[in-house]
Protein backbone atom coordinates (compact mmCIF):
# COMPACT_ATOMS: atom_id res chain seq x y z
CA MET A 1 94.44 196.39 97.83
CA ALA A 2 92.63 198.81 99.80
CA ASP A 3 89.18 198.01 100.98
CA ASN A 4 87.30 200.93 99.20
CA LYS A 5 83.80 199.55 98.99
CA ARG A 6 81.23 197.64 101.01
CA THR A 7 78.08 196.57 99.29
CA PHE A 8 74.97 195.78 101.21
CA GLU A 9 70.97 195.30 100.44
CA VAL A 10 67.98 196.53 102.08
CA GLU A 11 64.52 195.48 101.23
CA GLY A 12 65.80 194.12 97.93
CA LYS A 13 67.65 197.23 96.81
CA LYS A 14 71.58 197.32 96.43
CA TYR A 15 73.77 199.97 98.36
CA ALA A 16 77.18 200.62 98.68
CA ALA A 17 79.34 202.45 101.39
CA VAL A 18 82.50 203.79 99.74
CA ARG A 19 85.64 205.16 101.08
CA PRO A 20 85.47 209.26 101.24
CA ASN A 21 87.54 211.22 98.97
CA THR A 22 89.69 214.31 99.64
CA LYS A 23 87.00 216.96 99.78
CA GLN A 24 84.40 214.85 101.56
CA ASN A 25 87.34 214.49 104.11
CA GLU A 26 87.72 218.33 104.39
CA ASP A 27 84.03 218.94 104.69
CA ALA A 28 83.82 216.50 107.63
CA THR A 29 86.74 218.16 109.27
CA MET A 30 84.93 221.44 109.02
CA GLU A 31 82.00 219.78 110.50
CA TYR A 32 83.96 218.51 113.40
CA ASN A 33 85.43 221.98 114.07
CA ARG A 34 81.91 223.68 113.99
CA VAL A 35 80.40 221.18 116.26
CA PHE A 36 83.41 221.14 118.67
CA SER A 37 83.21 224.76 119.08
CA ARG A 38 79.64 224.91 119.57
CA SER A 39 79.88 222.15 122.08
CA LEU A 40 82.59 224.04 124.15
CA GLN A 41 80.51 227.15 123.98
CA ASN A 42 77.26 225.17 125.47
CA GLY A 43 79.43 223.73 128.35
CA ALA A 44 80.15 220.30 127.31
CA LEU A 45 83.20 218.63 129.01
CA LEU A 46 86.51 217.93 127.31
CA ARG A 47 87.40 214.14 127.17
CA GLU A 48 90.57 214.85 129.55
CA ARG A 49 88.17 216.08 132.21
CA LEU A 50 85.64 213.22 131.83
CA ASP A 51 87.45 210.95 134.44
CA GLN A 52 87.63 213.82 137.17
CA PHE A 53 84.01 214.52 136.32
CA MET A 54 83.07 210.99 136.90
CA ARG A 55 85.00 210.53 140.23
CA GLN A 56 83.20 213.95 141.50
CA GLN A 57 79.68 212.53 140.56
CA ASN A 58 80.80 208.98 142.24
CA LEU A 59 80.33 207.28 138.90
CA TRP A 60 84.18 206.23 138.82
CA ASP A 61 86.66 205.75 141.83
CA ASP A 62 89.74 203.97 142.59
CA GLU A 63 88.02 200.66 143.28
CA ARG A 64 86.09 200.61 139.67
CA GLU A 65 89.72 201.39 138.19
CA ARG A 66 91.41 198.45 139.99
CA GLN A 67 88.41 196.28 139.07
CA TYR A 68 88.72 197.27 135.42
CA GLU A 69 92.41 196.35 135.54
CA GLU A 70 92.11 193.07 137.29
CA LEU A 71 89.06 192.28 134.46
CA LEU A 72 91.96 192.77 131.92
CA THR A 73 94.38 190.62 133.39
CA GLN A 74 91.88 187.97 133.78
CA ILE A 75 91.15 187.95 130.25
CA ASN A 76 94.64 188.16 129.18
CA ASP A 77 95.54 185.30 131.25
CA ARG A 78 93.08 182.95 130.23
CA GLU A 79 93.83 183.90 126.61
CA LYS A 80 97.50 182.95 127.13
CA LYS A 81 96.40 179.51 128.46
CA LEU A 82 94.19 178.78 125.29
CA SER A 83 97.02 179.82 122.99
CA GLU A 84 99.63 177.67 124.86
CA GLY A 85 97.12 174.50 124.56
CA GLY A 86 98.51 171.17 126.58
CA ILE A 87 95.61 171.01 128.78
CA ARG A 88 92.25 168.91 128.53
CA LEU A 89 89.67 170.06 125.98
CA SER A 90 87.06 170.11 128.81
CA GLU A 91 89.43 172.70 131.01
CA ALA A 92 89.89 174.66 128.02
CA ARG A 93 86.13 175.09 127.40
CA GLN A 94 85.58 176.15 130.90
CA ILE A 95 88.45 178.81 130.36
CA ALA A 96 86.76 180.12 127.18
CA LEU A 97 83.29 180.36 128.84
CA GLU A 98 85.05 182.11 131.81
CA MET A 99 86.40 184.73 129.28
CA ARG A 100 83.12 185.10 127.98
CA GLY A 101 81.75 186.01 131.33
CA ILE A 102 84.68 188.08 132.23
CA ARG A 103 84.31 190.04 128.81
CA ALA A 104 80.70 190.80 129.38
CA THR A 105 81.35 192.13 133.17
CA LEU A 106 83.95 194.41 131.64
CA THR A 107 81.72 195.80 129.10
CA ALA A 108 79.19 196.61 131.70
CA LEU A 109 81.86 198.12 133.67
CA ILE A 110 82.68 200.64 131.34
CA SER A 111 79.51 201.12 129.52
CA GLN A 112 78.67 204.03 131.54
CA ARG A 113 82.14 205.70 130.79
CA ASN A 114 81.38 205.19 127.20
CA SER A 115 78.00 206.58 127.36
CA LEU A 116 79.39 209.75 128.91
CA ASP A 117 82.21 210.04 126.41
CA VAL A 118 79.76 210.60 123.57
CA ASN A 119 78.47 213.56 125.35
CA THR A 120 81.88 215.23 125.55
CA ALA A 121 83.13 218.17 123.11
CA GLN A 122 85.20 215.52 121.28
CA GLY A 123 82.69 212.99 121.37
CA GLN A 124 79.86 215.18 119.82
CA ALA A 125 82.20 216.55 117.20
CA GLU A 126 83.47 213.18 115.87
CA ASN A 127 79.77 211.96 115.73
CA ALA A 128 78.96 214.98 113.51
CA ARG A 129 82.04 214.26 111.54
CA PHE A 130 81.13 210.48 111.06
CA ASN A 131 77.57 211.34 110.01
CA CYS A 132 78.85 213.86 107.36
CA LEU A 133 81.09 211.11 106.06
CA LEU A 134 78.15 208.72 106.09
CA ALA A 135 75.75 210.96 104.31
CA ALA A 136 78.34 211.74 101.35
CA CYS A 137 79.47 208.07 101.05
CA LEU A 138 76.36 206.00 101.07
CA VAL A 139 75.53 205.41 97.20
CA TYR A 140 73.14 203.41 95.08
CA ASN A 141 75.42 200.41 94.12
CA ASP A 142 74.35 200.47 90.32
CA THR A 143 74.59 204.13 89.70
CA GLY A 144 77.05 205.48 92.32
CA GLU A 145 74.62 208.27 92.92
CA PRO A 146 74.33 209.38 96.64
CA VAL A 147 71.54 208.31 98.70
CA TYR A 148 71.17 211.25 100.69
CA GLU A 149 71.21 215.00 99.67
CA ASP A 150 73.21 216.11 102.52
CA VAL A 151 73.82 215.26 106.46
CA GLU A 152 70.55 217.11 107.39
CA ASP A 153 68.50 214.83 104.93
CA TYR A 154 70.40 211.55 106.21
CA SER A 155 69.54 212.63 109.71
CA GLN A 156 65.70 213.25 109.06
CA LYS A 157 65.20 210.14 107.38
CA THR A 158 66.99 207.83 109.82
CA SER A 159 65.15 209.70 112.43
CA GLU A 160 61.93 208.62 110.71
CA GLY A 161 63.02 204.87 110.50
CA ASP A 162 64.82 204.93 107.39
CA LEU A 163 66.77 201.54 107.49
CA VAL A 164 69.39 202.21 104.54
CA GLY A 165 71.25 204.83 107.08
CA VAL A 166 71.14 202.11 109.89
CA ALA A 167 72.69 199.39 107.78
CA GLY A 168 75.02 201.90 105.76
CA ALA A 169 76.45 203.01 109.11
CA GLU A 170 77.52 199.49 110.01
CA HIS A 171 79.12 198.71 106.86
CA PHE A 172 80.81 202.36 106.41
CA ALA A 173 82.27 202.20 110.13
CA ASN A 174 83.92 198.69 109.39
CA MET A 175 85.45 199.88 106.38
CA TYR A 176 86.57 203.27 107.56
CA PHE A 177 87.74 202.32 111.13
CA GLY A 178 89.05 199.00 109.76
CA LEU A 179 86.80 196.90 111.95
CA GLU A 180 86.46 193.27 111.40
CA LYS A 181 83.05 191.92 109.97
CA ASP A 182 82.81 189.41 112.61
CA TYR A 183 84.42 190.86 115.67
CA GLU A 184 82.59 188.76 118.18
CA LYS A 185 83.16 185.81 116.19
CA ASN A 186 86.82 186.43 115.74
CA LEU A 187 87.45 186.88 119.62
CA PRO A 188 89.90 184.20 120.94
CA GLU A 189 87.40 182.68 123.35
CA ASN A 190 84.47 182.34 120.46
CA LYS A 191 86.98 181.33 117.75
CA PHE A 192 88.05 178.34 120.25
CA LEU A 193 84.44 177.57 120.87
CA LYS A 194 83.67 177.52 117.26
CA ASP A 195 86.62 175.51 116.17
CA TYR A 196 85.89 172.66 118.69
CA LYS A 197 82.26 172.83 117.94
CA PHE A 198 80.92 173.89 121.46
CA VAL A 199 79.13 177.01 119.44
CA ASN A 200 76.79 177.32 116.40
CA ASP A 201 77.37 179.80 113.80
CA ASP A 202 75.30 182.44 116.02
CA LEU A 203 77.84 181.82 118.98
CA GLN A 204 75.23 179.90 120.84
CA LEU A 205 76.46 177.26 123.08
CA ILE A 206 75.54 173.55 121.68
CA ASN A 207 75.65 169.75 122.72
CA LYS A 208 77.14 166.95 120.88
CA GLU A 209 73.77 166.50 118.76
CA GLY A 210 74.29 170.14 117.73
CA LYS A 211 71.22 171.27 119.85
CA THR A 212 71.41 174.69 121.66
CA VAL A 213 71.90 174.21 125.41
CA ASP A 214 72.64 176.67 128.54
CA LEU A 215 75.81 176.70 130.38
CA ALA A 216 74.46 173.60 132.54
CA GLY A 217 73.78 171.72 129.44
CA LYS A 218 70.04 171.81 129.52
CA LEU A 219 67.92 172.08 126.24
CA VAL A 220 67.05 175.83 125.10
CA ASP A 221 65.28 177.22 122.13
CA GLU A 222 66.95 179.84 119.99
CA ASP A 223 65.26 182.43 122.25
CA GLY A 224 67.02 180.73 125.25
CA ARG A 225 63.95 179.16 126.82
CA TYR A 226 63.99 175.81 128.21
CA ILE A 227 62.54 173.23 126.39
CA ASP A 228 62.16 169.02 126.55
CA GLU A 229 63.48 166.71 123.95
CA ASP A 230 60.23 167.11 122.08
CA GLY A 231 60.58 170.96 121.94
CA ASN A 232 57.79 171.73 124.74
CA TYR A 233 58.35 174.67 127.08
CA ILE A 234 59.35 173.52 130.65
CA ASP A 235 60.93 175.58 133.53
CA PHE A 236 64.44 175.28 134.92
CA GLU A 237 63.31 172.05 136.71
CA GLY A 238 61.38 170.27 134.00
CA ASN A 239 57.80 171.44 134.90
CA ALA A 240 55.57 172.04 131.75
CA LEU A 241 54.71 175.49 130.52
CA THR A 242 52.65 176.98 128.13
CA GLU A 243 53.72 179.22 125.23
CA ASP A 244 53.10 182.35 127.22
CA GLY A 245 55.33 180.93 130.11
CA LYS A 246 52.47 179.85 132.35
CA TYR A 247 52.58 176.49 134.22
CA LYS A 248 50.26 173.76 132.77
CA THR A 249 48.23 173.12 136.11
CA GLU A 250 44.45 173.12 136.90
CA PRO A 251 44.54 176.19 139.40
CA GLN A 252 42.69 175.28 142.90
CA PRO A 253 40.57 177.74 144.94
CA PHE A 254 42.46 179.42 147.74
CA LEU A 255 41.37 178.67 151.10
CA ASP A 256 40.33 180.77 154.22
CA ASP A 257 41.69 180.34 157.67
CA ASP A 258 39.43 177.62 158.40
CA GLY A 259 40.67 175.51 155.49
CA ASN A 260 37.33 176.27 153.52
CA PRO A 261 37.38 177.07 149.56
CA ILE A 262 37.49 181.09 148.99
CA VAL A 263 34.63 181.48 146.57
CA ASP A 264 35.41 184.08 143.66
CA GLU A 265 31.82 185.47 143.34
CA LYS A 266 32.71 187.35 140.32
CA ALA A 267 33.89 184.24 138.57
CA GLU A 268 30.80 182.63 139.75
CA GLU A 269 28.65 185.35 138.25
CA VAL A 270 30.34 185.21 134.92
CA GLU A 271 29.97 181.53 134.72
CA GLU A 272 26.24 181.57 135.67
CA LYS A 273 25.64 184.30 133.02
CA ALA A 274 27.35 182.02 130.52
CA GLU A 275 25.39 179.23 131.20
CA GLU A 276 22.08 181.44 131.04
CA ASP A 277 23.13 182.63 127.70
CA GLY A 278 23.91 179.31 126.47
CA GLU A 279 20.43 177.93 127.33
CA LYS A 280 18.77 180.79 125.83
CA GLU A 281 20.90 180.23 122.58
CA GLU A 282 19.79 176.60 122.67
CA LYS A 283 16.17 177.63 122.92
CA SER A 284 16.09 179.91 120.35
CA GLU A 285 17.92 177.24 117.79
CA LYS A 286 14.71 175.04 118.62
CA LYS A 287 12.21 177.51 117.57
CA PRO A 288 11.09 177.56 113.85
CA ALA A 289 12.45 180.51 111.88
CA GLN A 290 10.12 183.53 111.54
CA GLY A 291 8.25 184.08 108.30
CA THR A 292 8.14 180.11 107.63
CA LYS A 293 4.85 178.46 107.60
CA LYS A 294 3.96 174.94 108.41
CA GLN A 295 2.54 172.89 105.21
CA LYS A 296 -0.83 171.55 106.03
CA GLY A 297 -2.81 168.53 104.31
CA ARG A 298 -1.53 166.56 101.11
CA PRO A 299 1.12 167.88 98.94
CA LYS A 300 0.00 169.48 95.38
CA LYS A 301 0.28 167.35 92.69
CA GLN A 302 2.98 169.25 91.18
CA GLU A 303 5.07 168.76 94.25
CA VAL A 304 4.67 165.09 94.35
CA VAL A 305 5.84 165.03 90.82
CA GLU A 306 8.74 167.13 91.58
CA ASN A 307 9.75 165.11 94.55
CA SER A 308 9.22 161.78 93.25
């Protein structure tokens, strides 16, 4: 059965991304043609000339191309070893972690090419077509009514921080392009690491006790900061840190060339002023409050009765 609907929730309200109908596809194609023609008139590059342009601007060359192909080969070779098995689990873990690193390097290498591709005539036209379809295919889940009036309404509201369009774009893209919901989790290296409990559900490395660690096995929190067994912040070598990342030490004054402490005059002035203010406040607390009179003589009879 075809995947024709993806539901999601934003701030307690339920929405859905539905597959476009024939009319919506036709409208999106017309939008593609309009933006493609306008982009060409405004001097946008064709995708076919992108490689040539990048080489002219020294953004890509034969060395980068060789590196790109080498990284792909390294990933494929390691994936083949994981799929074959027959090696120590510790070695397989190391291979999977190497694949992670190589894939990250590959992503960084082609990120500039991808960012430039978006600005080609085809890239701009494809983005316009996607937005046109998205605006038409995001609906309220209970009524089926569209969330946006048209693509202009969608563009304006998302530029103002509308969260529905952001969440809806991911769900619609996964459905429309046939992308997997958990793409990262289904990469062969991550699937292996998860199956053998080397990572948690968020793909963070964990030890045998299920605690998050770095590549060297040192404890880290969910944000990647080093911690000790009690959860206190430390640096890589185990020195105590504050929550702000500062060392828990009592700072000593710096010394001049003769070895004498360098006095921070401004700090002394601040300290002296604080002491003076404290003394003044202490004296003012000892004085009786204005407007009160000290009672003299014996208390009145009525007062004696009330206090007895």
